[in-house]
C-alpha atoms as a PDB file:
ATOM      1  CA  MET A   1      38.739 -14.495 -33.655  1.00  0.00           C
ATOM      2  CA  SER A   2      38.115 -14.015 -29.971  1.00  0.00           C
ATOM      3  CA  THR A   3      36.269 -10.995 -28.644  1.00  0.00           C
ATOM      4  CA  ARG A   4      37.938 -11.289 -25.281  1.00  0.00           C
ATOM      5  CA  ARG A   5      40.308  -8.682 -24.034  1.00  0.00           C
ATOM      6  CA  PRO A   6      43.981  -9.722 -24.332  1.00  0.00           C
ATOM      7  CA  ARG A   7      45.837 -10.787 -21.217  1.00  0.00           C
ATOM      8  CA  TYR A   8      48.725  -8.410 -20.744  1.00  0.00           C
ATOM      9  CA  ARG A   9      52.068  -9.084 -19.114  1.00  0.00           C
ATOM     10  CA  TYR A  10      54.380  -6.389 -17.811  1.00  0.00           C
ATOM     11  CA  ILE A  11      58.109  -6.994 -18.154  1.00  0.00           C
ATOM     12  CA  ALA A  12      60.494  -5.037 -15.961  1.00  0.00           C
ATOM     13  CA  PHE A  13      63.923  -4.371 -17.449  1.00  0.00           C
ATOM     14  CA  ARG A  14      67.141  -2.584 -16.578  1.00  0.00           C
ATOM     15  CA  VAL A  15      69.546  -0.768 -18.924  1.00  0.00           C
ATOM     16  CA  ASP A  16      73.255  -0.878 -18.066  1.00  0.00           C
ATOM     17  CA  GLY A  17      75.216   1.633 -20.103  1.00  0.00           C
ATOM     18  CA  PRO A  18      77.761   4.432 -19.947  1.00  0.00           C
ATOM     19  CA  ARG A  19      75.144   7.128 -19.258  1.00  0.00           C
ATOM     20  CA  ALA A  20      71.506   7.669 -18.347  1.00  0.00           C
ATOM     21  CA  PHE A  21      69.176   7.267 -21.304  1.00  0.00           C
ATOM     22  CA  ARG A  22      66.011   9.198 -22.111  1.00  0.00           C
ATOM     23  CA  ARG A  23      62.569   7.716 -22.668  1.00  0.00           C
ATOM     24  CA  GLU A  24      62.660   8.716 -26.351  1.00  0.00           C
ATOM     25  CA  GLU A  25      65.845   6.712 -26.931  1.00  0.00           C
ATOM     26  CA  VAL A  26      64.253   3.600 -25.448  1.00  0.00           C
ATOM     27  CA  LEU A  27      61.102   4.161 -27.522  1.00  0.00           C
ATOM     28  CA  GLU A  28      63.199   4.379 -30.686  1.00  0.00           C
ATOM     29  CA  ALA A  29      64.829   1.027 -29.892  1.00  0.00           C
ATOM     30  CA  LEU A  30      61.425  -0.569 -29.238  1.00  0.00           C
ATOM     31  CA  ARG A  31      60.025   0.735 -32.540  1.00  0.00           C
ATOM     32  CA  THR A  32      62.670  -1.138 -34.509  1.00  0.00           C
ATOM     33  CA  MET A  33      61.534  -4.477 -33.067  1.00  0.00           C
ATOM     34  CA  PRO A  34      59.128  -6.729 -34.963  1.00  0.00           C
ATOM     35  CA  LEU A  35      57.037  -7.218 -31.788  1.00  0.00           C
ATOM     36  CA  ARG A  36      54.471  -4.769 -30.489  1.00  0.00           C
ATOM     37  CA  LEU A  37      55.894  -3.627 -27.165  1.00  0.00           C
ATOM     38  CA  TRP A  38      54.317  -0.737 -25.280  1.00  0.00           C
ATOM     39  CA  LEU A  39      56.632   1.292 -23.051  1.00  0.00           C
ATOM     40  CA  VAL A  40      54.624   1.839 -19.872  1.00  0.00           C
ATOM     41  CA  ASP A  41      57.291   3.573 -17.805  1.00  0.00           C
ATOM     42  CA  PHE A  42      60.981   4.401 -17.960  1.00  0.00           C
ATOM     43  CA  ALA A  43      63.062   6.325 -15.439  1.00  0.00           C
ATOM     44  CA  ARG A  44      66.843   6.526 -15.045  1.00  0.00           C
ATOM     45  CA  SER A  45      67.933   2.992 -15.912  1.00  0.00           C
ATOM     46  CA  SER A  46      64.829   0.869 -15.326  1.00  0.00           C
ATOM     47  CA  GLY A  47      61.576   0.504 -17.186  1.00  0.00           C
ATOM     48  CA  LEU A  48      58.417  -1.448 -17.805  1.00  0.00           C
ATOM     49  CA  VAL A  49      56.987  -2.700 -21.109  1.00  0.00           C
ATOM     50  CA  ARG A  50      53.610  -4.261 -21.854  1.00  0.00           C
ATOM     51  CA  THR A  51      52.987  -7.209 -24.149  1.00  0.00           C
ATOM     52  CA  THR A  52      50.426  -9.987 -24.462  1.00  0.00           C
ATOM     53  CA  HIS A  53      50.745 -13.323 -22.711  1.00  0.00           C
ATOM     54  CA  LEU A  54      51.276 -15.019 -26.079  1.00  0.00           C
ATOM     55  CA  GLU A  55      54.264 -12.822 -27.002  1.00  0.00           C
ATOM     56  CA  LYS A  56      55.875 -12.717 -23.546  1.00  0.00           C
ATOM     57  CA  ASP A  57      58.778 -15.093 -24.237  1.00  0.00           C
ATOM     58  CA  ALA A  58      59.585 -13.481 -27.589  1.00  0.00           C
ATOM     59  CA  ALA A  59      59.468 -10.046 -25.944  1.00  0.00           C
ATOM     60  CA  ILE A  60      61.935 -11.115 -23.255  1.00  0.00           C
ATOM     61  CA  HIS A  61      64.342 -12.425 -25.891  1.00  0.00           C
ATOM     62  CA  ALA A  62      63.958  -9.241 -27.949  1.00  0.00           C
ATOM     63  CA  LEU A  63      64.627  -6.991 -24.945  1.00  0.00           C
ATOM     64  CA  ASN A  64      67.712  -8.980 -23.990  1.00  0.00           C
ATOM     65  CA  ALA A  65      68.961  -8.714 -27.580  1.00  0.00           C
ATOM     66  CA  ILE A  66      69.060  -4.890 -27.571  1.00  0.00           C
ATOM     67  CA  GLY A  67      72.697  -3.936 -27.994  1.00  0.00           C
ATOM     68  CA  THR A  68      72.643  -0.197 -28.661  1.00  0.00           C
ATOM     69  CA  LEU A  69      70.627   2.748 -27.400  1.00  0.00           C
ATOM     70  CA  GLY A  70      71.212   6.257 -28.663  1.00  0.00           C
ATOM     71  CA  GLY A  71      74.287   5.109 -30.585  1.00  0.00           C
ATOM     72  CA  GLU A  72      75.985   3.673 -27.492  1.00  0.00           C
ATOM     73  CA  SER A  73      76.612   0.084 -26.503  1.00  0.00           C
ATOM     74  CA  VAL A  74      74.334  -1.122 -23.700  1.00  0.00           C
ATOM     75  CA  ARG A  75      73.235  -4.276 -21.958  1.00  0.00           C
ATOM     76  CA  VAL A  76      69.513  -4.706 -21.334  1.00  0.00           C
ATOM     77  CA  THR A  77      68.478  -7.318 -18.798  1.00  0.00           C
ATOM     78  CA  THR A  78      64.953  -8.331 -17.929  1.00  0.00           C
ATOM     79  CA  VAL A  79      64.286  -8.381 -14.214  1.00  0.00           C
ATOM     80  CA  GLY A  80      60.884 -10.041 -14.008  1.00  0.00           C
ATOM     81  CA  THR A  81      57.369 -10.436 -15.387  1.00  0.00           C
ATOM     82  CA  SER A  82      54.032  -9.724 -13.776  1.00  0.00           C
ATOM     83  CA  GLY A  83      50.353  -9.547 -14.656  1.00  0.00           C
ATOM     84  CA  THR A  84      49.781  -6.037 -13.270  1.00  0.00           C
ATOM     85  CA  ILE A  85      51.698  -2.763 -13.308  1.00  0.00           C
ATOM     86  CA  ARG A  86      51.418  -2.428  -9.539  1.00  0.00           C
ATOM     87  CA  ALA A  87      52.934  -5.837  -8.827  1.00  0.00           C
ATOM     88  CA  ALA A  88      55.725  -5.378 -11.378  1.00  0.00           C
ATOM     89  CA  THR A  89      56.645  -2.005  -9.885  1.00  0.00           C
ATOM     90  CA  ARG A  90      56.535  -3.308  -6.342  1.00  0.00           C
ATOM     91  CA  LYS A  91      58.515  -6.487  -7.009  1.00  0.00           C
ATOM     92  CA  TYR A  92      61.083  -5.610  -9.632  1.00  0.00           C
ATOM     93  CA  LEU A  93      61.777  -1.889  -9.816  1.00  0.00           C
ATOM     94  CA  SER A  94      63.970  -0.106  -7.295  1.00  0.00           C
ATOM     95  CA  ARG A  95      62.516   1.474  -4.182  1.00  0.00           C
ATOM     96  CA  THR A  96      63.421   5.068  -5.102  1.00  0.00           C
ATOM     97  CA  ASP A  97      61.840   4.725  -8.539  1.00  0.00           C
ATOM     98  CA  SER A  98      58.664   3.170  -7.149  1.00  0.00           C
ATOM     99  CA  VAL A  99      58.314   5.863  -4.462  1.00  0.00           C
ATOM    100  CA  ARG A 100      58.717   8.549  -7.127  1.00  0.00           C
ATOM    101  CA  ARG A 101      56.178   6.860  -9.396  1.00  0.00           C
ATOM    102  CA  GLN A 102      53.606   6.494  -6.600  1.00  0.00           C
ATOM    103  CA  SER A 103      53.964  10.112  -5.482  1.00  0.00           C
ATOM    104  CA  GLU A 104      53.450  11.349  -9.064  1.00  0.00           C
ATOM    105  CA  LYS A 105      50.256   9.349  -9.492  1.00  0.00           C
ATOM    106  CA  ASN A 106      48.663   9.909  -6.090  1.00  0.00           C
ATOM    107  CA  PRO A 107      50.059  12.673  -3.888  1.00  0.00           C
ATOM    108  CA  TYR A 108      48.059  11.461  -0.864  1.00  0.00           C
ATOM    109  CA  LYS A 109      49.802   8.095  -0.544  1.00  0.00           C
END
């Protein structure tokens, strides 16, 4: 067993459905998966999950396989993968969401 810290990957995803979903509904869908996915951020229809580099491909397949959220039919698509939260937010999440996220974390930026 290695004592090294795991290498994390951050997967950006988008939820296309009939309405806007809450963070709790996305968390409930992630809990039913056999993989350990950590919901880092979710706002409106886009989000970010964390996994290890070894489980990245399985996590992408599991996210794309989500068919229902909150009892409604949805389509979840993965947008991209990155090694840091900052790069994933900058590259793959929409501009309005990233501006909102940055202003919540550091009001001086």
